[in-house]
Amino acid sequence: MPAIRKPWNRTELLLAMNLYCCIPFGRQHSHAPEVIRLAQVLGRTPGSVAMKLNNFTSLDPEEKARGIKGLPGASRLDRQIWDKFHTDWEEMAAESELLWKQLVENGDLASSVEKPVEVIEEKTFSNDTLKFRIGPTEGIRTQKIRLAQGFFRRTVLAAYLGRCCISDIPIPELLIARHILPWAFFPEQRTNPCNGLCLSKLQDAAFDQGLITFDEDYRLVLSQRIKNHLPNESL
């Protein structure tokens, strides 16, 4: 008798989507430590989690543009989660990041994920077993921003394999997840991983001051102020 597949619920899909945003395509397989870790939390096999990541790949236009098809068979709920992330990055980033911290980083098991954590303008985030009190409404807004920023940093550093895209520095303490479109003027892109660069603190300062930028082909462009100091070995 064939095994009955366990349907994925919304909370599980939020965690899978969070992982999808934080893991390179080449590690979306059942032997990747991140996949195994999430599988243990969800009470699923690593193969099941890997399949779900590849379902999301099939919905990703950027992967399609690279000729990567992913795994067909994405469910209606898969598509809803995908679309919700891409229309409201900040809200979904905060909700999925909170779930990740509660259920994956803190080691809670699958019994804790039957109902979703809702990010709401009240004094608590909650599901069946977890309470996360963070104070009044302004405190909740601050907490949501911090969660979204944490998601953004993890996804951007993962996209660049934890290295500065200019200097190749691999030390996390020296790396910044820099917004390409500024935070203040493009709120809808604040936590979109595609709006990020991984830069060391020195290169980030240069980017922030307009001393360097990138062209449409992702090539580094130096300002005249930098060029005026060339040749200079340190530069």
Protein backbone atom coordinates (compact mmCIF):
# COMPACT_ATOMS: atom_id res chain seq x y z
CA MET A 1 0.00 0.00 0.00
CA PRO A 2 1.56 3.34 -1.02
CA ALA A 3 2.52 5.76 1.75
CA ILE A 4 0.12 8.64 2.33
CA ARG A 5 1.84 11.97 1.93
CA LYS A 6 1.45 14.37 4.82
CA PRO A 7 0.08 17.71 3.57
CA TRP A 8 2.20 20.78 4.21
CA ASN A 9 0.56 23.40 6.41
CA ARG A 10 1.12 27.14 6.25
CA THR A 11 3.63 27.27 9.10
CA GLU A 12 5.76 24.54 7.55
CA LEU A 13 5.71 26.33 4.21
CA LEU A 14 6.77 29.62 5.82
CA LEU A 15 9.77 27.84 7.30
CA ALA A 16 10.55 26.17 3.98
CA MET A 17 10.30 29.50 2.16
CA ASN A 18 12.57 31.11 4.74
CA LEU A 19 15.11 28.37 4.09
CA TYR A 20 14.65 28.70 0.33
CA CYS A 21 15.68 32.34 0.56
CA CYS A 22 18.75 31.49 2.67
CA ILE A 23 20.23 28.49 0.89
CA PRO A 24 22.03 28.43 -2.48
CA PHE A 25 20.42 26.39 -5.24
CA GLY A 26 23.26 23.86 -5.17
CA ARG A 27 22.45 22.92 -1.56
CA GLN A 28 18.73 22.31 -1.97
CA HIS A 29 19.22 18.58 -1.52
CA SER A 30 18.55 16.03 1.20
CA HIS A 31 22.16 15.88 2.42
CA ALA A 32 22.51 19.61 3.13
CA PRO A 33 22.79 20.29 6.90
CA GLU A 34 20.20 23.08 6.73
CA VAL A 35 17.70 20.78 5.04
CA ILE A 36 18.30 18.01 7.56
CA ARG A 37 17.88 20.44 10.44
CA LEU A 38 14.53 21.74 9.19
CA ALA A 39 13.35 18.19 8.45
CA GLN A 40 14.03 17.21 12.06
CA VAL A 41 12.02 20.16 13.35
CA LEU A 42 9.08 19.41 11.05
CA GLY A 43 9.11 15.67 11.63
CA ARG A 44 9.65 15.11 7.91
CA THR A 45 12.32 13.42 5.86
CA PRO A 46 15.15 15.51 4.38
CA GLY A 47 13.96 14.33 0.97
CA SER A 48 10.53 15.83 1.61
CA VAL A 49 12.01 19.20 2.56
CA ALA A 50 14.35 19.14 -0.44
CA MET A 51 11.39 18.42 -2.72
CA LYS A 52 9.49 21.39 -1.30
CA LEU A 53 12.47 23.69 -1.88
CA ASN A 54 12.57 22.52 -5.47
CA ASN A 55 8.82 23.13 -5.78
CA PHE A 56 9.57 26.75 -4.88
CA THR A 57 12.35 26.75 -7.47
CA SER A 58 9.75 25.94 -10.13
CA LEU A 59 7.97 29.19 -9.20
CA ASP A 60 11.11 31.34 -9.27
CA PRO A 61 11.37 33.45 -12.45
CA GLU A 62 15.04 34.15 -11.83
CA GLU A 63 15.84 30.44 -11.82
CA LYS A 64 13.73 29.93 -14.93
CA ALA A 65 15.77 32.65 -16.63
CA ARG A 66 18.87 30.57 -15.83
CA GLY A 67 17.29 27.51 -17.40
CA ILE A 68 16.52 25.83 -14.05
CA LYS A 69 13.05 24.34 -13.94
CA GLY A 70 12.87 23.04 -10.38
CA LEU A 71 10.40 20.34 -9.42
CA PRO A 72 6.84 20.55 -10.83
CA GLY A 73 3.82 19.92 -8.66
CA ALA A 74 3.78 23.06 -6.51
CA SER A 75 0.49 23.18 -4.60
CA ARG A 76 -2.00 26.00 -4.49
CA LEU A 77 -0.78 26.86 -0.99
CA ASP A 78 2.83 26.84 -2.21
CA ARG A 79 1.89 29.45 -4.79
CA GLN A 80 -0.01 31.52 -2.24
CA ILE A 81 2.99 31.60 0.09
CA TRP A 82 5.33 32.45 -2.80
CA ASP A 83 3.08 35.27 -4.02
CA LYS A 84 2.59 36.66 -0.51
CA PHE A 85 6.34 36.87 0.05
CA HIS A 86 6.84 38.71 -3.22
CA THR A 87 4.06 41.21 -2.58
CA ASP A 88 4.81 41.87 1.10
CA TRP A 89 8.44 41.04 1.86
CA GLU A 90 8.57 42.89 5.18
CA GLU A 91 5.53 41.21 6.72
CA MET A 92 6.40 37.72 5.53
CA ALA A 93 10.07 38.10 6.38
CA ALA A 94 9.18 39.05 9.96
CA GLU A 95 6.66 36.23 10.37
CA SER A 96 8.88 33.53 8.90
CA GLU A 97 11.95 34.78 10.78
CA LEU A 98 10.07 34.63 14.07
CA LEU A 99 9.02 31.07 13.30
CA TRP A 100 12.59 30.18 12.39
CA LYS A 101 13.92 31.54 15.67
CA GLN A 102 11.22 29.83 17.73
CA LEU A 103 11.02 26.46 16.03
CA VAL A 104 14.40 25.89 14.38
CA GLU A 105 16.98 27.84 16.37
CA ASN A 106 15.30 26.96 19.68
CA GLY A 107 14.78 23.35 18.71
CA ASP A 108 11.01 22.96 19.09
CA LEU A 109 9.55 19.89 17.42
CA ALA A 110 6.79 19.41 14.88
CA SER A 111 4.06 19.40 17.52
CA SER A 112 4.57 23.15 17.78
CA VAL A 113 3.83 23.94 14.13
CA GLU A 114 0.27 22.79 13.62
CA LYS A 115 -1.00 26.38 13.71
CA PRO A 116 0.77 29.41 12.23
CA VAL A 117 2.30 32.22 14.20
CA GLU A 118 0.48 35.38 13.21
CA VAL A 119 2.27 38.70 13.09
CA ILE A 120 -0.39 40.99 14.50
CA GLU A 121 -0.59 44.44 16.02
CA GLU A 122 -1.18 43.20 19.56
CA LYS A 123 1.00 42.45 22.57
CA THR A 124 1.91 38.87 21.68
CA PHE A 125 2.87 36.60 18.87
CA SER A 126 1.41 33.19 19.62
CA ASN A 127 0.71 29.66 18.52
CA ASP A 128 -0.42 26.61 20.50
CA THR A 129 2.69 26.36 22.66
CA LEU A 130 4.68 29.57 22.30
CA LYS A 131 4.20 33.03 23.71
CA PHE A 132 6.47 35.85 22.65
CA ARG A 133 5.69 39.03 24.57
CA ILE A 134 7.34 42.13 23.24
CA GLY A 135 5.41 45.03 24.76
CA PRO A 136 3.11 47.70 23.32
CA THR A 137 2.34 48.40 19.67
CA GLU A 138 5.47 50.49 19.03
CA GLY A 139 7.59 47.73 20.51
CA ILE A 140 5.91 45.23 18.21
CA ARG A 141 6.67 47.39 15.19
CA THR A 142 10.30 47.62 16.29
CA GLN A 143 10.46 43.88 16.83
CA LYS A 144 8.97 43.21 13.39
CA ILE A 145 11.57 45.48 11.79
CA ARG A 146 14.38 43.69 13.62
CA LEU A 147 13.05 40.30 12.53
CA ALA A 148 12.77 41.49 8.94
CA GLN A 149 16.27 42.95 9.05
CA GLY A 150 17.61 39.68 10.45
CA PHE A 151 15.96 37.80 7.57
CA PHE A 152 17.43 40.26 5.07
CA ARG A 153 20.95 39.88 6.43
CA ARG A 154 20.79 36.08 6.48
CA THR A 155 19.44 35.87 2.95
CA VAL A 156 21.89 38.37 1.47
CA LEU A 157 24.94 36.80 3.10
CA ALA A 158 23.77 33.38 1.97
CA ALA A 159 23.33 34.62 -1.60
CA TYR A 160 26.96 35.76 -1.64
CA LEU A 161 28.20 32.63 0.16
CA GLY A 162 29.16 34.74 3.16
CA ARG A 163 31.75 36.82 1.31
CA CYS A 164 32.08 40.47 0.34
CA CYS A 165 31.26 40.71 -3.38
CA ILE A 166 34.22 43.07 -3.92
CA SER A 167 36.99 42.08 -1.51
CA ASP A 168 36.00 38.41 -0.89
CA ILE A 169 36.36 38.95 2.88
CA PRO A 170 34.60 35.99 4.60
CA ILE A 171 34.45 37.19 8.22
CA PRO A 172 30.77 37.67 9.22
CA GLU A 173 31.57 40.38 11.77
CA LEU A 174 33.02 42.51 8.97
CA LEU A 175 30.14 42.03 6.53
CA ILE A 176 27.14 44.26 5.87
CA ALA A 177 23.91 43.42 4.02
CA ARG A 178 23.58 46.64 2.05
CA HIS A 179 20.35 47.74 0.35
CA ILE A 180 20.74 48.62 -3.33
CA LEU A 181 17.51 50.62 -3.47
CA PRO A 182 17.59 52.73 -0.29
CA TRP A 183 15.56 51.57 2.74
CA ALA A 184 13.91 54.97 3.23
CA PHE A 185 12.63 55.42 -0.32
CA PHE A 186 11.67 51.87 -1.37
CA PRO A 187 9.76 50.33 1.56
CA GLU A 188 8.39 47.49 -0.58
CA GLN A 189 11.98 46.35 -1.30
CA ARG A 190 13.33 46.59 2.25
CA THR A 191 13.59 42.87 2.86
CA ASN A 192 13.67 41.58 -0.71
CA PRO A 193 16.91 39.54 -0.89
CA CYS A 194 17.35 40.61 -4.51
CA ASN A 195 17.78 44.18 -3.25
CA GLY A 196 20.93 43.35 -1.31
CA LEU A 197 24.70 43.40 -1.67
CA CYS A 198 27.10 41.67 0.69
CA LEU A 199 29.89 44.15 1.39
CA SER A 200 32.65 44.46 3.92
CA LYS A 201 32.39 47.47 6.18
CA LEU A 202 35.00 49.41 4.19
CA GLN A 203 33.33 48.76 0.83
CA ASP A 204 29.93 49.43 2.39
CA ALA A 205 31.12 52.85 3.58
CA ALA A 206 32.43 53.61 0.09
CA PHE A 207 29.10 52.57 -1.46
CA ASP A 208 27.16 54.63 1.07
CA GLN A 209 29.23 57.72 0.29
CA GLY A 210 28.88 57.30 -3.46
CA LEU A 211 32.55 56.51 -3.96
CA ILE A 212 31.74 53.24 -5.70
CA THR A 213 28.69 51.77 -7.41
CA PHE A 214 27.79 49.02 -9.87
CA ASP A 215 26.56 49.23 -13.45
CA GLU A 216 23.71 47.25 -15.01
CA ASP A 217 26.12 44.39 -15.74
CA TYR A 218 27.16 44.19 -12.06
CA ARG A 219 30.59 45.63 -12.77
CA LEU A 220 32.25 47.79 -10.12
CA VAL A 221 32.37 51.49 -11.01
CA LEU A 222 34.82 53.83 -9.27
CA SER A 223 34.07 57.49 -8.68
CA GLN A 224 36.48 60.17 -9.85
CA ARG A 225 37.39 60.79 -6.20
CA ILE A 226 38.70 57.23 -5.98
CA LYS A 227 40.44 57.45 -9.36
CA ASN A 228 42.24 60.62 -8.27
CA HIS A 229 44.12 58.53 -5.69
CA LEU A 230 45.24 55.87 -8.17
CA PRO A 231 47.68 54.25 -8.46
CA ASN A 232 47.66 53.50 -4.76
CA GLU A 233 48.49 50.05 -3.51
CA SER A 234 46.00 50.07 -0.64
CA LEU A 235 43.17 51.19 -2.94
